[in-house]
Amino acid sequence: AAWTRGDLDTFVSVYADDCLFMTPAGLTRGRQKVHDRYRERYPDRKAMGTLQLEVVETRSAPPGGVAVAAEWVLSYPDRPAQRGHTLVIFRRLDGVWQIVQDASM
């Protein structure tokens, strides 16, 4: 919902400070760098589109984490949708679920 509102700060707030984000373009390490990477690629609300995620599977990810595989779709009113897949690893850090790894393609 935060992505679709154009609220990038809230969207990346669930990433751990030392997260690892992997894409075909390379590796990004750390919440602020993930934020900066998204901001460069999606500079405004219009560029961000409407995000939909369809969970494909969830599994335990020791120690104490959860792995979520999903298909993502970014829809736009004036151009074709973009599609891909992601594997996101969540861990409970300081009592809050955070993304520690995100492999999106």
C-alpha atoms as a PDB file:
ATOM      1  CA  ALA A   1       0.000   0.000   0.000  1.00  0.00           C
ATOM      2  CA  ALA A   2       2.864   2.407   0.811  1.00  0.00           C
ATOM      3  CA  TRP A   3       4.388   1.866  -2.640  1.00  0.00           C
ATOM      4  CA  THR A   4       1.096   2.536  -4.406  1.00  0.00           C
ATOM      5  CA  ARG A   5       0.646   5.750  -2.361  1.00  0.00           C
ATOM      6  CA  GLY A   6       4.094   6.868  -3.502  1.00  0.00           C
ATOM      7  CA  ASP A   7       5.386   6.688   0.085  1.00  0.00           C
ATOM      8  CA  LEU A   8       8.868   5.299  -0.488  1.00  0.00           C
ATOM      9  CA  ASP A   9      10.042   6.111   3.063  1.00  0.00           C
ATOM     10  CA  THR A  10       7.377   3.868   4.595  1.00  0.00           C
ATOM     11  CA  PHE A  11       7.894   1.178   1.945  1.00  0.00           C
ATOM     12  CA  VAL A  12      11.602   0.784   2.758  1.00  0.00           C
ATOM     13  CA  SER A  13      11.121   1.161   6.523  1.00  0.00           C
ATOM     14  CA  VAL A  14      10.594  -2.622   6.745  1.00  0.00           C
ATOM     15  CA  TYR A  15      14.096  -3.278   5.389  1.00  0.00           C
ATOM     16  CA  ALA A  16      16.768  -3.987   8.015  1.00  0.00           C
ATOM     17  CA  ASP A  17      19.558  -1.424   8.337  1.00  0.00           C
ATOM     18  CA  ASP A  18      22.036  -3.979   6.945  1.00  0.00           C
ATOM     19  CA  CYS A  19      19.733  -5.675   4.409  1.00  0.00           C
ATOM     20  CA  LEU A  20      20.938  -7.200   1.160  1.00  0.00           C
ATOM     21  CA  PHE A  21      18.954  -6.431  -2.017  1.00  0.00           C
ATOM     22  CA  MET A  22      19.800  -8.466  -5.121  1.00  0.00           C
ATOM     23  CA  THR A  23      18.642  -7.893  -8.700  1.00  0.00           C
ATOM     24  CA  PRO A  24      20.006  -8.809 -12.131  1.00  0.00           C
ATOM     25  CA  ALA A  25      21.635  -5.343 -12.079  1.00  0.00           C
ATOM     26  CA  GLY A  26      23.682  -6.153  -8.962  1.00  0.00           C
ATOM     27  CA  LEU A  27      23.798  -6.015  -5.169  1.00  0.00           C
ATOM     28  CA  THR A  28      22.713  -3.196  -2.878  1.00  0.00           C
ATOM     29  CA  ARG A  29      23.504  -3.336   0.831  1.00  0.00           C
ATOM     30  CA  GLY A  30      21.753  -1.286   3.520  1.00  0.00           C
ATOM     31  CA  ARG A  31      18.317   0.322   3.894  1.00  0.00           C
ATOM     32  CA  GLN A  32      19.428   3.810   2.846  1.00  0.00           C
ATOM     33  CA  LYS A  33      21.117   2.527  -0.305  1.00  0.00           C
ATOM     34  CA  VAL A  34      18.008   0.472  -1.151  1.00  0.00           C
ATOM     35  CA  HIS A  35      15.940   3.651  -0.681  1.00  0.00           C
ATOM     36  CA  ASP A  36      18.309   5.617  -2.922  1.00  0.00           C
ATOM     37  CA  ARG A  37      18.244   2.892  -5.583  1.00  0.00           C
ATOM     38  CA  TYR A  38      14.438   2.857  -5.653  1.00  0.00           C
ATOM     39  CA  ARG A  39      14.290   6.679  -5.733  1.00  0.00           C
ATOM     40  CA  GLU A  40      16.643   6.799  -8.711  1.00  0.00           C
ATOM     41  CA  ARG A  41      14.641   4.223 -10.657  1.00  0.00           C
ATOM     42  CA  TYR A  42      11.201   5.476  -9.560  1.00  0.00           C
ATOM     43  CA  PRO A  43      11.582   9.256  -9.031  1.00  0.00           C
ATOM     44  CA  ASP A  44       7.893  10.068  -8.446  1.00  0.00           C
ATOM     45  CA  ARG A  45       4.468   8.568  -7.759  1.00  0.00           C
ATOM     46  CA  LYS A  46       3.675   8.220 -11.468  1.00  0.00           C
ATOM     47  CA  ALA A  47       6.871   6.246 -12.124  1.00  0.00           C
ATOM     48  CA  MET A  48       6.097   3.956  -9.163  1.00  0.00           C
ATOM     49  CA  GLY A  49       2.788   2.717 -10.576  1.00  0.00           C
ATOM     50  CA  THR A  50       0.471   0.426  -8.642  1.00  0.00           C
ATOM     51  CA  LEU A  51       2.149  -2.538  -6.950  1.00  0.00           C
ATOM     52  CA  GLN A  52       0.462  -5.892  -6.555  1.00  0.00           C
ATOM     53  CA  LEU A  53       2.093  -8.911  -4.917  1.00  0.00           C
ATOM     54  CA  GLU A  54       0.814 -12.461  -5.180  1.00  0.00           C
ATOM     55  CA  VAL A  55       2.404 -14.766  -2.638  1.00  0.00           C
ATOM     56  CA  VAL A  56       3.480 -18.034  -4.246  1.00  0.00           C
ATOM     57  CA  GLU A  57       4.864 -19.736  -1.155  1.00  0.00           C
ATOM     58  CA  THR A  58       6.069 -19.156   2.387  1.00  0.00           C
ATOM     59  CA  ARG A  59       8.588 -21.302   4.280  1.00  0.00           C
ATOM     60  CA  SER A  60      10.535 -21.194   7.500  1.00  0.00           C
ATOM     61  CA  ALA A  61      13.978 -19.629   7.129  1.00  0.00           C
ATOM     62  CA  PRO A  62      16.128 -20.553  10.120  1.00  0.00           C
ATOM     63  CA  PRO A  63      17.042 -19.076  12.467  1.00  0.00           C
ATOM     64  CA  GLY A  64      13.558 -17.775  13.254  1.00  0.00           C
ATOM     65  CA  GLY A  65      12.809 -16.228   9.897  1.00  0.00           C
ATOM     66  CA  VAL A  66      10.289 -16.560   7.108  1.00  0.00           C
ATOM     67  CA  ALA A  67      10.963 -16.750   3.366  1.00  0.00           C
ATOM     68  CA  VAL A  68       8.251 -15.385   1.074  1.00  0.00           C
ATOM     69  CA  ALA A  69       8.288 -16.081  -2.671  1.00  0.00           C
ATOM     70  CA  ALA A  70       5.979 -13.816  -4.649  1.00  0.00           C
ATOM     71  CA  GLU A  71       5.157 -12.514  -8.105  1.00  0.00           C
ATOM     72  CA  TRP A  72       5.074  -8.731  -8.376  1.00  0.00           C
ATOM     73  CA  VAL A  73       3.253  -6.587 -10.925  1.00  0.00           C
ATOM     74  CA  LEU A  74       3.639  -2.837 -11.416  1.00  0.00           C
ATOM     75  CA  SER A  75       0.636  -1.490 -13.333  1.00  0.00           C
ATOM     76  CA  TYR A  76       0.433   1.845 -15.139  1.00  0.00           C
ATOM     77  CA  PRO A  77      -2.488   3.589 -16.830  1.00  0.00           C
ATOM     78  CA  ASP A  78      -0.439   4.644 -19.874  1.00  0.00           C
ATOM     79  CA  ARG A  79       1.999   1.778 -20.534  1.00  0.00           C
ATOM     80  CA  PRO A  80       2.381  -1.988 -20.204  1.00  0.00           C
ATOM     81  CA  ALA A  81       2.753  -3.520 -16.769  1.00  0.00           C
ATOM     82  CA  GLN A  82       6.121  -4.705 -15.486  1.00  0.00           C
ATOM     83  CA  ARG A  83       6.279  -8.174 -13.912  1.00  0.00           C
ATOM     84  CA  GLY A  84       8.780 -10.192 -11.966  1.00  0.00           C
ATOM     85  CA  HIS A  85       9.437 -12.413  -8.985  1.00  0.00           C
ATOM     86  CA  THR A  86      10.928 -11.862  -5.569  1.00  0.00           C
ATOM     87  CA  LEU A  87      12.189 -13.960  -2.697  1.00  0.00           C
ATOM     88  CA  VAL A  88      12.142 -11.978   0.532  1.00  0.00           C
ATOM     89  CA  ILE A  89      13.574 -13.182   3.848  1.00  0.00           C
ATOM     90  CA  PHE A  90      12.068 -11.674   7.003  1.00  0.00           C
ATOM     91  CA  ARG A  91      13.558 -11.903  10.492  1.00  0.00           C
ATOM     92  CA  ARG A  92      12.282 -10.512  13.762  1.00  0.00           C
ATOM     93  CA  LEU A  93      14.800  -7.868  14.845  1.00  0.00           C
ATOM     94  CA  ASP A  94      14.218  -5.830  18.005  1.00  0.00           C
ATOM     95  CA  GLY A  95      10.639  -7.139  18.120  1.00  0.00           C
ATOM     96  CA  VAL A  96       9.803  -6.037  14.554  1.00  0.00           C
ATOM     97  CA  TRP A  97       9.650  -8.129  11.365  1.00  0.00           C
ATOM     98  CA  GLN A  98      12.196  -6.725   8.918  1.00  0.00           C
ATOM     99  CA  ILE A  99      13.450  -7.698   5.475  1.00  0.00           C
ATOM    100  CA  VAL A 100      17.022  -8.921   5.742  1.00  0.00           C
ATOM    101  CA  GLN A 101      17.320 -10.197   2.157  1.00  0.00           C
ATOM    102  CA  ASP A 102      15.395  -9.381  -1.014  1.00  0.00           C
ATOM    103  CA  ALA A 103      16.183 -11.102  -4.301  1.00  0.00           C
ATOM    104  CA  SER A 104      13.978  -9.466  -6.946  1.00  0.00           C
ATOM    105  CA  MET A 105      14.035 -10.185 -10.637  1.00  0.00           C
END
